[in-house]
Amino acid sequence: MFLATLLSMSIGIAVAIGMVRWKQIDPSYHPFIYNLSLSLLVEILNALHPYSVLTVETLNIFSIFDFLLFTWMFHNWGLFNYKKNRFYTVFALGVVTWTIVTFGITGFRNINNPFLILYSFALIAFSVTSFNKIVVQQRINIFRNAGFFICIGIMIFYSFFILTRATDLSFGPLSMSKSFKLSLQKIVVYTNLLANLLYAVAVIWVPRKKNITTLSLK
């Protein structure tokens, strides 16, 4: 438990780098920095109250903000072709789905696993599409591309996250054993660490904001 909590705090590395570079970075990446900071706050709250209902409620609240902030970031990258109506539609669908699942299906004091699984699939899909665009369209070295590392981190973490959430759902005879669940949770601890380190590298390579200069006529 202590090791898992300690490793989860590795998100603080990316947050620290983001705070140092905040005035320099491209505003299109601001939602990513907001998300990192919120993730660190959640990890701190969970460390202070590891066995309370607050942990479940915090996760439920974080899940919608996690989805919305990442969606905002992908919109800034042009995932929805910079069309605000598509962006707002996805935004609204996320909020409506979260509300129905959290208050109408699972209850606010129970983990909203259906939403966690759905939005994880959505983020993976967004990441795969953006990753393909980065590899095909962008000419800079992908290993110096912040988006490349962010997409990889999302795909790795949320793929395993889906598995852990799915094991909490009851499928009758297909329900997983406790030992399997514990093993999977241990794997997720390390995939979380890997994702956090990838995010830290991403923040290092976030491009600087463009300076608007006045062109003089020669």
N, C-alpha and C. Protein backbone atom coordinates (compact mmCIF):
# COMPACT_ATOMS: atom_id res chain seq x y z
N MET A 1 0.83 -1.20 0.00
CA MET A 1 0.00 0.00 0.00
C MET A 1 0.86 1.25 0.00
N PHE A 2 1.89 1.27 0.87
CA PHE A 2 2.78 2.43 0.95
C PHE A 2 3.53 2.64 -0.36
N LEU A 3 4.02 1.52 -0.94
CA LEU A 3 4.76 1.62 -2.21
C LEU A 3 3.86 2.15 -3.31
N ALA A 4 2.63 1.64 -3.38
CA ALA A 4 1.69 2.09 -4.41
C ALA A 4 1.42 3.60 -4.27
N THR A 5 1.23 4.05 -3.02
CA THR A 5 0.98 5.47 -2.77
C THR A 5 2.19 6.30 -3.16
N LEU A 6 3.38 5.81 -2.81
CA LEU A 6 4.62 6.53 -3.13
C LEU A 6 4.80 6.65 -4.64
N LEU A 7 4.59 5.55 -5.35
CA LEU A 7 4.77 5.58 -6.81
C LEU A 7 3.73 6.46 -7.49
N SER A 8 2.52 6.48 -6.95
CA SER A 8 1.47 7.32 -7.55
C SER A 8 1.81 8.80 -7.45
N MET A 9 2.60 9.15 -6.43
CA MET A 9 3.01 10.54 -6.26
C MET A 9 4.01 11.00 -7.32
N SER A 10 4.47 10.07 -8.15
CA SER A 10 5.42 10.43 -9.21
C SER A 10 4.81 11.42 -10.19
N ILE A 11 3.49 11.56 -10.19
CA ILE A 11 2.84 12.55 -11.04
C ILE A 11 3.31 13.95 -10.67
N GLY A 12 3.80 14.09 -9.43
CA GLY A 12 4.30 15.38 -8.97
C GLY A 12 5.49 15.87 -9.77
N ILE A 13 6.26 14.96 -10.36
CA ILE A 13 7.41 15.36 -11.19
C ILE A 13 6.94 16.16 -12.38
N ALA A 14 5.92 15.64 -13.08
CA ALA A 14 5.38 16.34 -14.25
C ALA A 14 4.76 17.67 -13.84
N VAL A 15 4.06 17.69 -12.69
CA VAL A 15 3.43 18.92 -12.22
C VAL A 15 4.49 19.98 -11.93
N ALA A 16 5.58 19.59 -11.27
CA ALA A 16 6.65 20.53 -10.94
C ALA A 16 7.27 21.13 -12.20
N ILE A 17 7.53 20.27 -13.19
CA ILE A 17 8.10 20.77 -14.45
C ILE A 17 7.11 21.71 -15.13
N GLY A 18 5.83 21.35 -15.09
CA GLY A 18 4.81 22.18 -15.70
C GLY A 18 4.70 23.55 -15.05
N MET A 19 4.83 23.60 -13.73
CA MET A 19 4.77 24.88 -13.03
C MET A 19 5.96 25.76 -13.38
N VAL A 20 7.14 25.14 -13.49
CA VAL A 20 8.34 25.90 -13.84
C VAL A 20 8.22 26.47 -15.26
N ARG A 21 7.65 25.70 -16.17
CA ARG A 21 7.58 26.10 -17.57
C ARG A 21 6.27 26.80 -17.93
N TRP A 22 5.40 27.01 -16.97
CA TRP A 22 4.03 27.46 -17.24
C TRP A 22 3.98 28.69 -18.15
N LYS A 23 4.77 29.70 -17.87
CA LYS A 23 4.71 30.95 -18.63
C LYS A 23 5.25 30.80 -20.05
N GLN A 24 5.95 29.69 -20.31
CA GLN A 24 6.58 29.51 -21.61
C GLN A 24 5.78 28.61 -22.55
N ILE A 25 4.97 27.73 -21.98
CA ILE A 25 4.39 26.66 -22.81
C ILE A 25 3.21 27.14 -23.65
N ASP A 26 3.01 26.44 -24.75
CA ASP A 26 1.89 26.70 -25.65
C ASP A 26 0.57 26.51 -24.90
N PRO A 27 -0.34 27.51 -24.96
CA PRO A 27 -1.62 27.41 -24.23
C PRO A 27 -2.46 26.20 -24.60
N SER A 28 -2.23 25.60 -25.77
CA SER A 28 -3.02 24.42 -26.16
C SER A 28 -2.76 23.25 -25.22
N TYR A 29 -1.64 23.32 -24.47
CA TYR A 29 -1.32 22.25 -23.53
C TYR A 29 -1.74 22.57 -22.10
N HIS A 30 -2.35 23.72 -21.89
CA HIS A 30 -2.79 24.08 -20.54
C HIS A 30 -3.75 23.06 -19.93
N PRO A 31 -4.72 22.52 -20.69
CA PRO A 31 -5.61 21.51 -20.08
C PRO A 31 -4.84 20.30 -19.56
N PHE A 32 -3.75 19.96 -20.22
CA PHE A 32 -2.93 18.83 -19.77
C PHE A 32 -2.29 19.13 -18.42
N ILE A 33 -1.78 20.35 -18.26
CA ILE A 33 -1.16 20.74 -16.99
C ILE A 33 -2.21 20.80 -15.89
N TYR A 34 -3.41 21.31 -16.23
CA TYR A 34 -4.50 21.32 -15.25
C TYR A 34 -4.81 19.89 -14.79
N ASN A 35 -4.83 18.97 -15.74
CA ASN A 35 -5.16 17.58 -15.42
C ASN A 35 -4.10 16.96 -14.53
N LEU A 36 -2.84 17.23 -14.83
CA LEU A 36 -1.75 16.71 -14.00
C LEU A 36 -1.88 17.23 -12.57
N SER A 37 -2.17 18.51 -12.43
CA SER A 37 -2.29 19.12 -11.10
C SER A 37 -3.47 18.53 -10.34
N LEU A 38 -4.58 18.32 -11.04
CA LEU A 38 -5.75 17.71 -10.41
C LEU A 38 -5.46 16.28 -10.00
N SER A 39 -4.73 15.55 -10.83
CA SER A 39 -4.36 14.17 -10.51
C SER A 39 -3.51 14.12 -9.25
N LEU A 40 -2.58 15.06 -9.12
CA LEU A 40 -1.74 15.09 -7.92
C LEU A 40 -2.58 15.38 -6.68
N LEU A 41 -3.53 16.30 -6.80
CA LEU A 41 -4.41 16.61 -5.67
C LEU A 41 -5.20 15.38 -5.25
N VAL A 42 -5.72 14.63 -6.22
CA VAL A 42 -6.48 13.42 -5.93
C VAL A 42 -5.60 12.38 -5.23
N GLU A 43 -4.38 12.23 -5.70
CA GLU A 43 -3.46 11.27 -5.08
C GLU A 43 -3.17 11.65 -3.63
N ILE A 44 -3.04 12.93 -3.37
CA ILE A 44 -2.79 13.40 -2.00
C ILE A 44 -4.00 13.12 -1.11
N LEU A 45 -5.20 13.40 -1.63
CA LEU A 45 -6.42 13.14 -0.86
C LEU A 45 -6.58 11.65 -0.57
N ASN A 46 -6.28 10.82 -1.56
CA ASN A 46 -6.40 9.38 -1.37
C ASN A 46 -5.37 8.86 -0.37
N ALA A 47 -4.20 9.48 -0.34
CA ALA A 47 -3.17 9.08 0.62
C ALA A 47 -3.59 9.45 2.04
N LEU A 48 -4.29 10.57 2.18
CA LEU A 48 -4.73 11.01 3.50
C LEU A 48 -5.94 10.23 4.00
N HIS A 49 -6.78 9.77 3.07
CA HIS A 49 -8.01 9.05 3.45
C HIS A 49 -8.13 7.76 2.62
N PRO A 50 -7.18 6.83 2.79
CA PRO A 50 -7.14 5.64 1.92
C PRO A 50 -8.32 4.69 2.05
N TYR A 51 -8.97 4.68 3.19
CA TYR A 51 -10.03 3.69 3.41
C TYR A 51 -11.41 4.32 3.60
N SER A 52 -11.56 5.59 3.29
CA SER A 52 -12.84 6.26 3.53
C SER A 52 -13.66 6.32 2.25
N VAL A 53 -14.94 6.63 2.42
CA VAL A 53 -15.83 6.78 1.26
C VAL A 53 -15.41 7.98 0.43
N LEU A 54 -14.63 8.90 1.05
CA LEU A 54 -14.14 10.07 0.32
C LEU A 54 -13.33 9.64 -0.89
N THR A 55 -12.60 8.53 -0.77
CA THR A 55 -11.79 8.04 -1.88
C THR A 55 -12.66 7.72 -3.09
N VAL A 56 -13.78 7.05 -2.86
CA VAL A 56 -14.69 6.69 -3.95
C VAL A 56 -15.31 7.94 -4.55
N GLU A 57 -15.78 8.84 -3.71
CA GLU A 57 -16.40 10.07 -4.20
C GLU A 57 -15.40 10.92 -4.98
N THR A 58 -14.17 10.96 -4.49
CA THR A 58 -13.12 11.72 -5.18
C THR A 58 -12.86 11.14 -6.56
N LEU A 59 -12.78 9.82 -6.65
CA LEU A 59 -12.56 9.16 -7.94
C LEU A 59 -13.70 9.45 -8.90
N ASN A 60 -14.94 9.41 -8.39
CA ASN A 60 -16.10 9.68 -9.24
C ASN A 60 -16.07 11.10 -9.79
N ILE A 61 -15.73 12.06 -8.93
CA ILE A 61 -15.65 13.45 -9.38
C ILE A 61 -14.48 13.64 -10.34
N PHE A 62 -13.35 13.03 -10.00
CA PHE A 62 -12.17 13.17 -10.85
C PHE A 62 -12.41 12.61 -12.25
N SER A 63 -13.17 11.52 -12.34
CA SER A 63 -13.37 10.85 -13.63
C SER A 63 -13.95 11.78 -14.68
N ILE A 64 -14.91 12.62 -14.32
CA ILE A 64 -15.51 13.52 -15.30
C ILE A 64 -14.54 14.63 -15.67
N PHE A 65 -13.82 15.16 -14.70
CA PHE A 65 -12.84 16.20 -15.01
C PHE A 65 -11.68 15.65 -15.83
N ASP A 66 -11.29 14.42 -15.57
CA ASP A 66 -10.24 13.77 -16.33
C ASP A 66 -10.65 13.68 -17.81
N PHE A 67 -11.87 13.23 -18.03
CA PHE A 67 -12.37 13.12 -19.40
C PHE A 67 -12.47 14.48 -20.08
N LEU A 68 -13.04 15.47 -19.38
CA LEU A 68 -13.26 16.78 -19.99
C LEU A 68 -11.95 17.50 -20.29
N LEU A 69 -10.99 17.42 -19.38
CA LEU A 69 -9.71 18.11 -19.60
C LEU A 69 -8.93 17.47 -20.74
N PHE A 70 -8.92 16.14 -20.80
CA PHE A 70 -8.23 15.49 -21.92
C PHE A 70 -8.95 15.79 -23.24
N THR A 71 -10.28 15.80 -23.21
CA THR A 71 -11.04 16.11 -24.42
C THR A 71 -10.74 17.53 -24.90
N TRP A 72 -10.65 18.46 -23.96
CA TRP A 72 -10.28 19.85 -24.27
C TRP A 72 -8.90 19.89 -24.92
N MET A 73 -7.95 19.14 -24.36
CA MET A 73 -6.60 19.10 -24.91
C MET A 73 -6.61 18.57 -26.34
N PHE A 74 -7.32 17.46 -26.57
CA PHE A 74 -7.37 16.87 -27.91
C PHE A 74 -8.05 17.83 -28.90
N HIS A 75 -9.04 18.56 -28.42
CA HIS A 75 -9.68 19.57 -29.28
C HIS A 75 -8.66 20.63 -29.68
N ASN A 76 -7.85 21.07 -28.73
CA ASN A 76 -6.81 22.06 -29.03
C ASN A 76 -5.82 21.54 -30.07
N TRP A 77 -5.63 20.21 -30.09
CA TRP A 77 -4.72 19.61 -31.06
C TRP A 77 -5.37 19.41 -32.43
N GLY A 78 -6.65 19.68 -32.54
CA GLY A 78 -7.34 19.54 -33.81
C GLY A 78 -8.01 18.21 -34.04
N LEU A 79 -8.23 17.44 -32.98
CA LEU A 79 -8.85 16.12 -33.14
C LEU A 79 -10.23 16.22 -33.78
N PHE A 80 -10.98 17.26 -33.42
CA PHE A 80 -12.33 17.44 -33.96
C PHE A 80 -12.34 18.46 -35.10
N ASN A 81 -11.18 18.59 -35.75
CA ASN A 81 -11.00 19.52 -36.87
C ASN A 81 -11.31 20.96 -36.48
N TYR A 82 -11.05 21.27 -35.21
CA TYR A 82 -11.23 22.61 -34.65
C TYR A 82 -12.68 23.10 -34.76
N LYS A 83 -13.62 22.17 -34.88
CA LYS A 83 -15.03 22.54 -34.94
C LYS A 83 -15.63 22.47 -33.55
N LYS A 84 -16.01 23.64 -33.03
CA LYS A 84 -16.47 23.72 -31.64
C LYS A 84 -17.76 22.95 -31.40
N ASN A 85 -18.61 22.86 -32.43
CA ASN A 85 -19.87 22.14 -32.22
C ASN A 85 -19.62 20.67 -31.93
N ARG A 86 -18.63 20.06 -32.61
CA ARG A 86 -18.27 18.67 -32.33
C ARG A 86 -17.66 18.54 -30.93
N PHE A 87 -16.81 19.48 -30.61
CA PHE A 87 -16.18 19.48 -29.29
C PHE A 87 -17.22 19.58 -28.18
N TYR A 88 -18.14 20.52 -28.32
CA TYR A 88 -19.18 20.71 -27.31
C TYR A 88 -20.11 19.51 -27.22
N THR A 89 -20.33 18.86 -28.36
CA THR A 89 -21.18 17.66 -28.36
C THR A 89 -20.54 16.54 -27.55
N VAL A 90 -19.25 16.31 -27.78
CA VAL A 90 -18.53 15.28 -27.02
C VAL A 90 -18.49 15.66 -25.54
N PHE A 91 -18.26 16.94 -25.27
CA PHE A 91 -18.25 17.45 -23.90
C PHE A 91 -19.57 17.13 -23.21
N ALA A 92 -20.68 17.48 -23.89
CA ALA A 92 -22.01 17.29 -23.32
C ALA A 92 -22.33 15.82 -23.12
N LEU A 93 -21.95 14.99 -24.09
CA LEU A 93 -22.19 13.55 -23.98
C LEU A 93 -21.48 12.97 -22.76
N GLY A 94 -20.27 13.47 -22.52
CA GLY A 94 -19.51 13.01 -21.36
C GLY A 94 -20.22 13.36 -20.06
N VAL A 95 -20.67 14.61 -19.95
CA VAL A 95 -21.35 15.07 -18.73
C VAL A 95 -22.65 14.31 -18.50
N VAL A 96 -23.44 14.15 -19.57
CA VAL A 96 -24.72 13.45 -19.45
C VAL A 96 -24.51 11.99 -19.05
N THR A 97 -23.54 11.33 -19.71
CA THR A 97 -23.25 9.93 -19.39
C THR A 97 -22.79 9.78 -17.95
N TRP A 98 -21.89 10.66 -17.53
CA TRP A 98 -21.39 10.61 -16.14
C TRP A 98 -22.53 10.80 -15.15
N THR A 99 -23.42 11.74 -15.42
CA THR A 99 -24.53 12.02 -14.51
C THR A 99 -25.46 10.82 -14.40
N ILE A 100 -25.80 10.22 -15.54
CA ILE A 100 -26.71 9.07 -15.54
C ILE A 100 -26.10 7.89 -14.80
N VAL A 101 -24.82 7.60 -15.10
CA VAL A 101 -24.16 6.45 -14.48
C VAL A 101 -23.94 6.68 -12.99
N THR A 102 -23.43 7.86 -12.63
CA THR A 102 -23.05 8.13 -11.25
C THR A 102 -24.24 8.25 -10.31
N PHE A 103 -25.30 8.90 -10.77
CA PHE A 103 -26.44 9.13 -9.89
C PHE A 103 -27.63 8.21 -10.17
N GLY A 104 -27.68 7.67 -11.40
CA GLY A 104 -28.83 6.84 -11.74
C GLY A 104 -28.57 5.35 -11.74
N ILE A 105 -27.31 4.95 -11.86
CA ILE A 105 -26.99 3.52 -11.94
C ILE A 105 -26.17 3.03 -10.75
N THR A 106 -25.00 3.60 -10.55
CA THR A 106 -24.12 3.10 -9.49
C THR A 106 -24.36 3.77 -8.14
N GLY A 107 -24.75 5.05 -8.17
CA GLY A 107 -24.85 5.81 -6.92
C GLY A 107 -23.54 6.52 -6.67
N PHE A 108 -23.62 7.73 -6.11
CA PHE A 108 -22.43 8.57 -5.96
C PHE A 108 -21.41 7.97 -5.01
N ARG A 109 -21.86 7.15 -4.06
CA ARG A 109 -20.93 6.58 -3.07
C ARG A 109 -20.41 5.21 -3.47
N ASN A 110 -20.66 4.83 -4.71
CA ASN A 110 -20.09 3.62 -5.28
C ASN A 110 -19.28 4.01 -6.52
N ILE A 111 -18.23 3.25 -6.80
CA ILE A 111 -17.39 3.58 -7.94
C ILE A 111 -18.18 3.45 -9.23
N ASN A 112 -18.15 4.47 -10.06
CA ASN A 112 -18.94 4.47 -11.30
C ASN A 112 -18.18 3.74 -12.42
N ASN A 113 -17.99 2.44 -12.23
CA ASN A 113 -17.20 1.63 -13.16
C ASN A 113 -17.64 1.72 -14.62
N PRO A 114 -18.94 1.69 -14.92
CA PRO A 114 -19.33 1.78 -16.33
C PRO A 114 -18.81 3.04 -17.01
N PHE A 115 -18.89 4.18 -16.30
CA PHE A 115 -18.37 5.42 -16.89
C PHE A 115 -16.86 5.38 -17.01
N LEU A 116 -16.19 4.86 -15.98
CA LEU A 116 -14.73 4.76 -16.02
C LEU A 116 -14.27 3.97 -17.23
N ILE A 117 -14.97 2.89 -17.52
CA ILE A 117 -14.61 2.05 -18.67
C ILE A 117 -14.91 2.77 -19.98
N LEU A 118 -16.07 3.40 -20.07
CA LEU A 118 -16.47 4.09 -21.30
C LEU A 118 -15.53 5.23 -21.64
N TYR A 119 -15.22 6.08 -20.64
CA TYR A 119 -14.38 7.23 -20.96
C TYR A 119 -12.93 6.83 -21.20
N SER A 120 -12.51 5.71 -20.59
CA SER A 120 -11.16 5.20 -20.86
C SER A 120 -11.04 4.75 -22.31
N PHE A 121 -12.07 4.06 -22.80
CA PHE A 121 -12.10 3.66 -24.21
C PHE A 121 -12.05 4.90 -25.11
N ALA A 122 -12.81 5.94 -24.73
CA ALA A 122 -12.84 7.17 -25.53
C ALA A 122 -11.46 7.82 -25.58
N LEU A 123 -10.79 7.90 -24.43
CA LEU A 123 -9.47 8.53 -24.40
C LEU A 123 -8.45 7.74 -25.21
N ILE A 124 -8.55 6.42 -25.16
CA ILE A 124 -7.65 5.59 -25.97
C ILE A 124 -7.91 5.84 -27.45
N ALA A 125 -9.18 5.92 -27.84
CA ALA A 125 -9.53 6.19 -29.24
C ALA A 125 -9.00 7.56 -29.67
N PHE A 126 -9.17 8.57 -28.82
CA PHE A 126 -8.66 9.91 -29.12
C PHE A 126 -7.14 9.87 -29.29
N SER A 127 -6.48 9.12 -28.41
CA SER A 127 -5.02 9.04 -28.43
C SER A 127 -4.51 8.33 -29.68
N VAL A 128 -5.17 7.25 -30.06
CA VAL A 128 -4.74 6.50 -31.25
C VAL A 128 -4.85 7.40 -32.49
N THR A 129 -5.96 8.12 -32.61
CA THR A 129 -6.16 9.02 -33.75
C THR A 129 -5.11 10.12 -33.77
N SER A 130 -4.87 10.73 -32.61
CA SER A 130 -3.88 11.81 -32.51
C SER A 130 -2.48 11.28 -32.74
N PHE A 131 -2.20 10.10 -32.23
CA PHE A 131 -0.88 9.48 -32.41
C PHE A 131 -0.60 9.27 -33.89
N ASN A 132 -1.59 8.78 -34.63
CA ASN A 132 -1.41 8.55 -36.06
C ASN A 132 -1.13 9.86 -36.80
N LYS A 133 -1.83 10.93 -36.40
CA LYS A 133 -1.60 12.22 -37.03
C LYS A 133 -0.20 12.73 -36.73
N ILE A 134 0.26 12.53 -35.49
CA ILE A 134 1.59 12.98 -35.11
C ILE A 134 2.66 12.27 -35.93
N VAL A 135 2.52 10.96 -36.05
CA VAL A 135 3.51 10.17 -36.77
C VAL A 135 3.52 10.48 -38.26
N VAL A 136 2.34 10.66 -38.84
CA VAL A 136 2.22 10.83 -40.29
C VAL A 136 2.43 12.28 -40.72
N GLN A 137 1.85 13.23 -39.99
CA GLN A 137 1.79 14.61 -40.46
C GLN A 137 2.90 15.51 -39.93
N GLN A 138 3.33 15.30 -38.70
CA GLN A 138 4.30 16.22 -38.11
C GLN A 138 5.73 15.81 -38.47
N ARG A 139 6.51 16.81 -38.82
CA ARG A 139 7.85 16.54 -39.34
C ARG A 139 8.94 16.54 -38.27
N ILE A 140 8.64 17.06 -37.10
CA ILE A 140 9.68 17.10 -36.07
C ILE A 140 9.91 15.70 -35.50
N ASN A 141 11.05 15.52 -34.89
CA ASN A 141 11.41 14.25 -34.26
C ASN A 141 10.34 13.87 -33.24
N ILE A 142 9.71 12.69 -33.42
CA ILE A 142 8.62 12.31 -32.52
C ILE A 142 9.09 12.15 -31.08
N PHE A 143 10.40 11.89 -30.90
CA PHE A 143 10.92 11.75 -29.53
C PHE A 143 11.15 13.09 -28.87
N ARG A 144 10.86 14.17 -29.60
CA ARG A 144 10.85 15.50 -29.01
C ARG A 144 9.46 16.11 -29.13
N ASN A 145 8.49 15.25 -29.32
CA ASN A 145 7.12 15.69 -29.50
C ASN A 145 6.32 15.35 -28.24
N ALA A 146 5.81 16.39 -27.57
CA ALA A 146 5.07 16.17 -26.31
C ALA A 146 3.83 15.32 -26.54
N GLY A 147 3.14 15.56 -27.64
CA GLY A 147 1.93 14.81 -27.93
C GLY A 147 2.18 13.32 -28.06
N PHE A 148 3.32 12.96 -28.62
CA PHE A 148 3.69 11.56 -28.78
C PHE A 148 3.75 10.87 -27.42
N PHE A 149 4.42 11.47 -26.46
CA PHE A 149 4.56 10.87 -25.13
C PHE A 149 3.24 10.85 -24.37
N ILE A 150 2.44 11.90 -24.55
CA ILE A 150 1.14 11.95 -23.88
C ILE A 150 0.23 10.84 -24.39
N CYS A 151 0.18 10.67 -25.70
CA CYS A 151 -0.66 9.62 -26.29
C CYS A 151 -0.22 8.23 -25.86
N ILE A 152 1.08 7.99 -25.84
CA ILE A 152 1.60 6.70 -25.40
C ILE A 152 1.22 6.44 -23.95
N GLY A 153 1.38 7.48 -23.10
CA GLY A 153 1.04 7.34 -21.69
C GLY A 153 -0.43 7.02 -21.48
N ILE A 154 -1.29 7.70 -22.22
CA ILE A 154 -2.73 7.45 -22.11
C ILE A 154 -3.08 6.04 -22.55
N MET A 155 -2.53 5.62 -23.69
CA MET A 155 -2.86 4.29 -24.22
C MET A 155 -2.41 3.19 -23.27
N ILE A 156 -1.23 3.35 -22.68
CA ILE A 156 -0.71 2.32 -21.77
C ILE A 156 -1.54 2.27 -20.49
N PHE A 157 -1.70 3.43 -19.84
CA PHE A 157 -2.38 3.43 -18.55
C PHE A 157 -3.84 3.02 -18.65
N TYR A 158 -4.58 3.63 -19.58
CA TYR A 158 -6.02 3.38 -19.61
C TYR A 158 -6.38 2.00 -20.16
N SER A 159 -5.47 1.38 -20.90
CA SER A 159 -5.72 0.00 -21.35
C SER A 159 -5.76 -0.94 -20.15
N PHE A 160 -4.80 -0.80 -19.25
CA PHE A 160 -4.78 -1.64 -18.06
C PHE A 160 -5.84 -1.19 -17.06
N PHE A 161 -6.13 0.10 -17.04
CA PHE A 161 -7.17 0.62 -16.15
C PHE A 161 -8.52 0.01 -16.48
N ILE A 162 -8.80 -0.15 -17.77
CA ILE A 162 -10.05 -0.77 -18.20
C ILE A 162 -10.15 -2.19 -17.64
N LEU A 163 -9.04 -2.93 -17.68
CA LEU A 163 -9.05 -4.30 -17.17
C LEU A 163 -9.37 -4.34 -15.69
N THR A 164 -8.79 -3.44 -14.91
CA THR A 164 -9.04 -3.44 -13.46
C THR A 164 -10.49 -3.07 -13.16
N ARG A 165 -11.03 -2.12 -13.91
CA ARG A 165 -12.42 -1.72 -13.68
C ARG A 165 -13.37 -2.83 -14.11
N ALA A 166 -13.02 -3.53 -15.20
CA ALA A 166 -13.88 -4.61 -15.68
C ALA A 166 -13.95 -5.76 -14.69
N THR A 167 -12.85 -6.01 -13.97
CA THR A 167 -12.85 -7.11 -13.01
C THR A 167 -13.76 -6.82 -11.81
N ASP A 168 -14.10 -5.55 -11.60
CA ASP A 168 -15.00 -5.20 -10.50
C ASP A 168 -16.47 -5.40 -10.87
N LEU A 169 -16.72 -5.56 -12.16
CA LEU A 169 -18.09 -5.80 -12.59
C LEU A 169 -18.43 -7.28 -12.43
N SER A 170 -19.64 -7.57 -12.12
CA SER A 170 -20.06 -8.95 -11.88
C SER A 170 -20.60 -9.56 -13.17
N PHE A 171 -20.00 -10.68 -13.57
CA PHE A 171 -20.45 -11.40 -14.75
C PHE A 171 -20.82 -12.84 -14.40
N GLY A 172 -21.33 -13.03 -13.19
CA GLY A 172 -21.75 -14.37 -12.77
C GLY A 172 -20.58 -15.32 -12.74
N PRO A 173 -20.63 -16.41 -13.50
CA PRO A 173 -19.56 -17.40 -13.49
C PRO A 173 -18.24 -16.88 -14.06
N LEU A 174 -18.29 -15.71 -14.73
CA LEU A 174 -17.07 -15.17 -15.31
C LEU A 174 -16.35 -14.22 -14.36
N SER A 175 -16.85 -14.06 -13.16
CA SER A 175 -16.21 -13.18 -12.19
C SER A 175 -14.79 -13.64 -11.90
N MET A 176 -13.89 -12.66 -11.74
CA MET A 176 -12.48 -12.96 -11.55
C MET A 176 -12.17 -13.28 -10.09
N SER A 177 -11.13 -14.06 -9.88
CA SER A 177 -10.71 -14.40 -8.52
C SER A 177 -10.01 -13.21 -7.88
N LYS A 178 -9.98 -13.21 -6.55
CA LYS A 178 -9.34 -12.11 -5.83
C LYS A 178 -7.85 -12.04 -6.13
N SER A 179 -7.19 -13.18 -6.27
CA SER A 179 -5.75 -13.20 -6.54
C SER A 179 -5.45 -12.57 -7.89
N PHE A 180 -6.31 -12.85 -8.88
CA PHE A 180 -6.12 -12.26 -10.21
C PHE A 180 -6.30 -10.75 -10.15
N LYS A 181 -7.33 -10.31 -9.40
CA LYS A 181 -7.58 -8.87 -9.26
C LYS A 181 -6.39 -8.17 -8.61
N LEU A 182 -5.85 -8.79 -7.56
CA LEU A 182 -4.70 -8.20 -6.87
C LEU A 182 -3.49 -8.11 -7.78
N SER A 183 -3.27 -9.15 -8.57
CA SER A 183 -2.14 -9.16 -9.50
C SER A 183 -2.30 -8.05 -10.54
N LEU A 184 -3.51 -7.89 -11.02
CA LEU A 184 -3.78 -6.86 -12.02
C LEU A 184 -3.61 -5.47 -11.43
N GLN A 185 -4.04 -5.29 -10.19
CA GLN A 185 -3.88 -4.00 -9.54
C GLN A 185 -2.42 -3.64 -9.34
N LYS A 186 -1.58 -4.66 -9.08
CA LYS A 186 -0.15 -4.42 -8.94
C LYS A 186 0.45 -3.96 -10.26
N ILE A 187 -0.01 -4.56 -11.35
CA ILE A 187 0.48 -4.16 -12.67
C ILE A 187 0.11 -2.71 -12.97
N VAL A 188 -1.12 -2.35 -12.59
CA VAL A 188 -1.60 -0.99 -12.84
C VAL A 188 -0.77 0.04 -12.07
N VAL A 189 -0.29 -0.32 -10.89
CA VAL A 189 0.56 0.58 -10.12
C VAL A 189 1.78 0.97 -10.93
N TYR A 190 2.38 -0.02 -11.61
CA TYR A 190 3.59 0.25 -12.38
C TYR A 190 3.28 0.89 -13.73
N THR A 191 2.13 0.58 -14.32
CA THR A 191 1.76 1.27 -15.55
C THR A 191 1.45 2.73 -15.25
N ASN A 192 0.91 3.00 -14.06
CA ASN A 192 0.67 4.37 -13.64
C ASN A 192 1.99 5.12 -13.50
N LEU A 193 2.98 4.46 -12.92
CA LEU A 193 4.31 5.06 -12.78
C LEU A 193 4.89 5.36 -14.16
N LEU A 194 4.79 4.39 -15.07
CA LEU A 194 5.32 4.59 -16.42
C LEU A 194 4.62 5.76 -17.11
N ALA A 195 3.30 5.81 -17.00
CA ALA A 195 2.55 6.91 -17.61
C ALA A 195 2.97 8.25 -17.02
N ASN A 196 3.15 8.30 -15.71
CA ASN A 196 3.56 9.55 -15.05
C ASN A 196 4.92 10.02 -15.54
N LEU A 197 5.84 9.08 -15.74
CA LEU A 197 7.17 9.43 -16.24
C LEU A 197 7.10 9.90 -17.69
N LEU A 198 6.24 9.26 -18.48
CA LEU A 198 6.04 9.69 -19.86
C LEU A 198 5.45 11.10 -19.90
N TYR A 199 4.53 11.38 -18.98
CA TYR A 199 3.95 12.72 -18.90
C TYR A 199 5.01 13.76 -18.53
N ALA A 200 5.92 13.38 -17.63
CA ALA A 200 6.99 14.30 -17.24
C ALA A 200 7.88 14.63 -18.44
N VAL A 201 8.22 13.60 -19.23
CA VAL A 201 9.01 13.83 -20.44
C VAL A 201 8.22 14.72 -21.41
N ALA A 202 6.91 14.47 -21.50
CA ALA A 202 6.07 15.26 -22.39
C ALA A 202 6.11 16.74 -22.02
N VAL A 203 6.03 17.04 -20.73
CA VAL A 203 6.02 18.43 -20.29
C VAL A 203 7.33 19.11 -20.66
N ILE A 204 8.43 18.37 -20.61
CA ILE A 204 9.73 18.93 -21.01
C ILE A 204 9.70 19.39 -22.46
N TRP A 205 9.00 18.60 -23.32
CA TRP A 205 9.00 18.88 -24.75
C TRP A 205 7.78 19.66 -25.23
N VAL A 206 6.94 20.10 -24.30
CA VAL A 206 5.80 20.95 -24.72
C VAL A 206 6.36 22.19 -25.41
N PRO A 207 5.89 22.50 -26.61
CA PRO A 207 6.46 23.65 -27.35
C PRO A 207 6.19 24.97 -26.64
N ARG A 208 7.06 25.92 -26.90
CA ARG A 208 6.88 27.26 -26.35
C ARG A 208 5.71 27.95 -27.04
N LYS A 209 5.08 28.85 -26.32
CA LYS A 209 3.99 29.61 -26.94
C LYS A 209 4.57 30.54 -27.99
N LYS A 210 3.78 30.74 -29.03
CA LYS A 210 4.24 31.56 -30.15
C LYS A 210 4.15 33.03 -29.79
N ASN A 211 5.22 33.75 -30.06
CA ASN A 211 5.23 35.19 -29.83
C ASN A 211 4.66 35.89 -31.05
N ILE A 212 3.71 36.78 -30.81
CA ILE A 212 3.09 37.52 -31.90
C ILE A 212 3.95 38.75 -32.18
N THR A 213 4.52 38.82 -33.34
CA THR A 213 5.39 39.94 -33.69
C THR A 213 4.80 40.70 -34.88
N THR A 214 5.13 41.92 -34.95
CA THR A 214 4.65 42.77 -36.05
C THR A 214 5.68 42.73 -37.17
N LEU A 215 5.26 42.36 -38.35
CA LEU A 215 6.17 42.31 -39.49
C LEU A 215 6.33 43.71 -40.08
N SER A 216 7.56 44.08 -40.33
CA SER A 216 7.82 45.39 -40.91
C SER A 216 8.01 45.26 -42.41
N LEU A 217 7.54 46.24 -43.17
CA LEU A 217 7.68 46.23 -44.63
C LEU A 217 9.07 46.68 -45.00
N LYS A 218 9.67 45.96 -45.91
CA LYS A 218 11.02 46.34 -46.36
C LYS A 218 10.91 47.26 -47.56
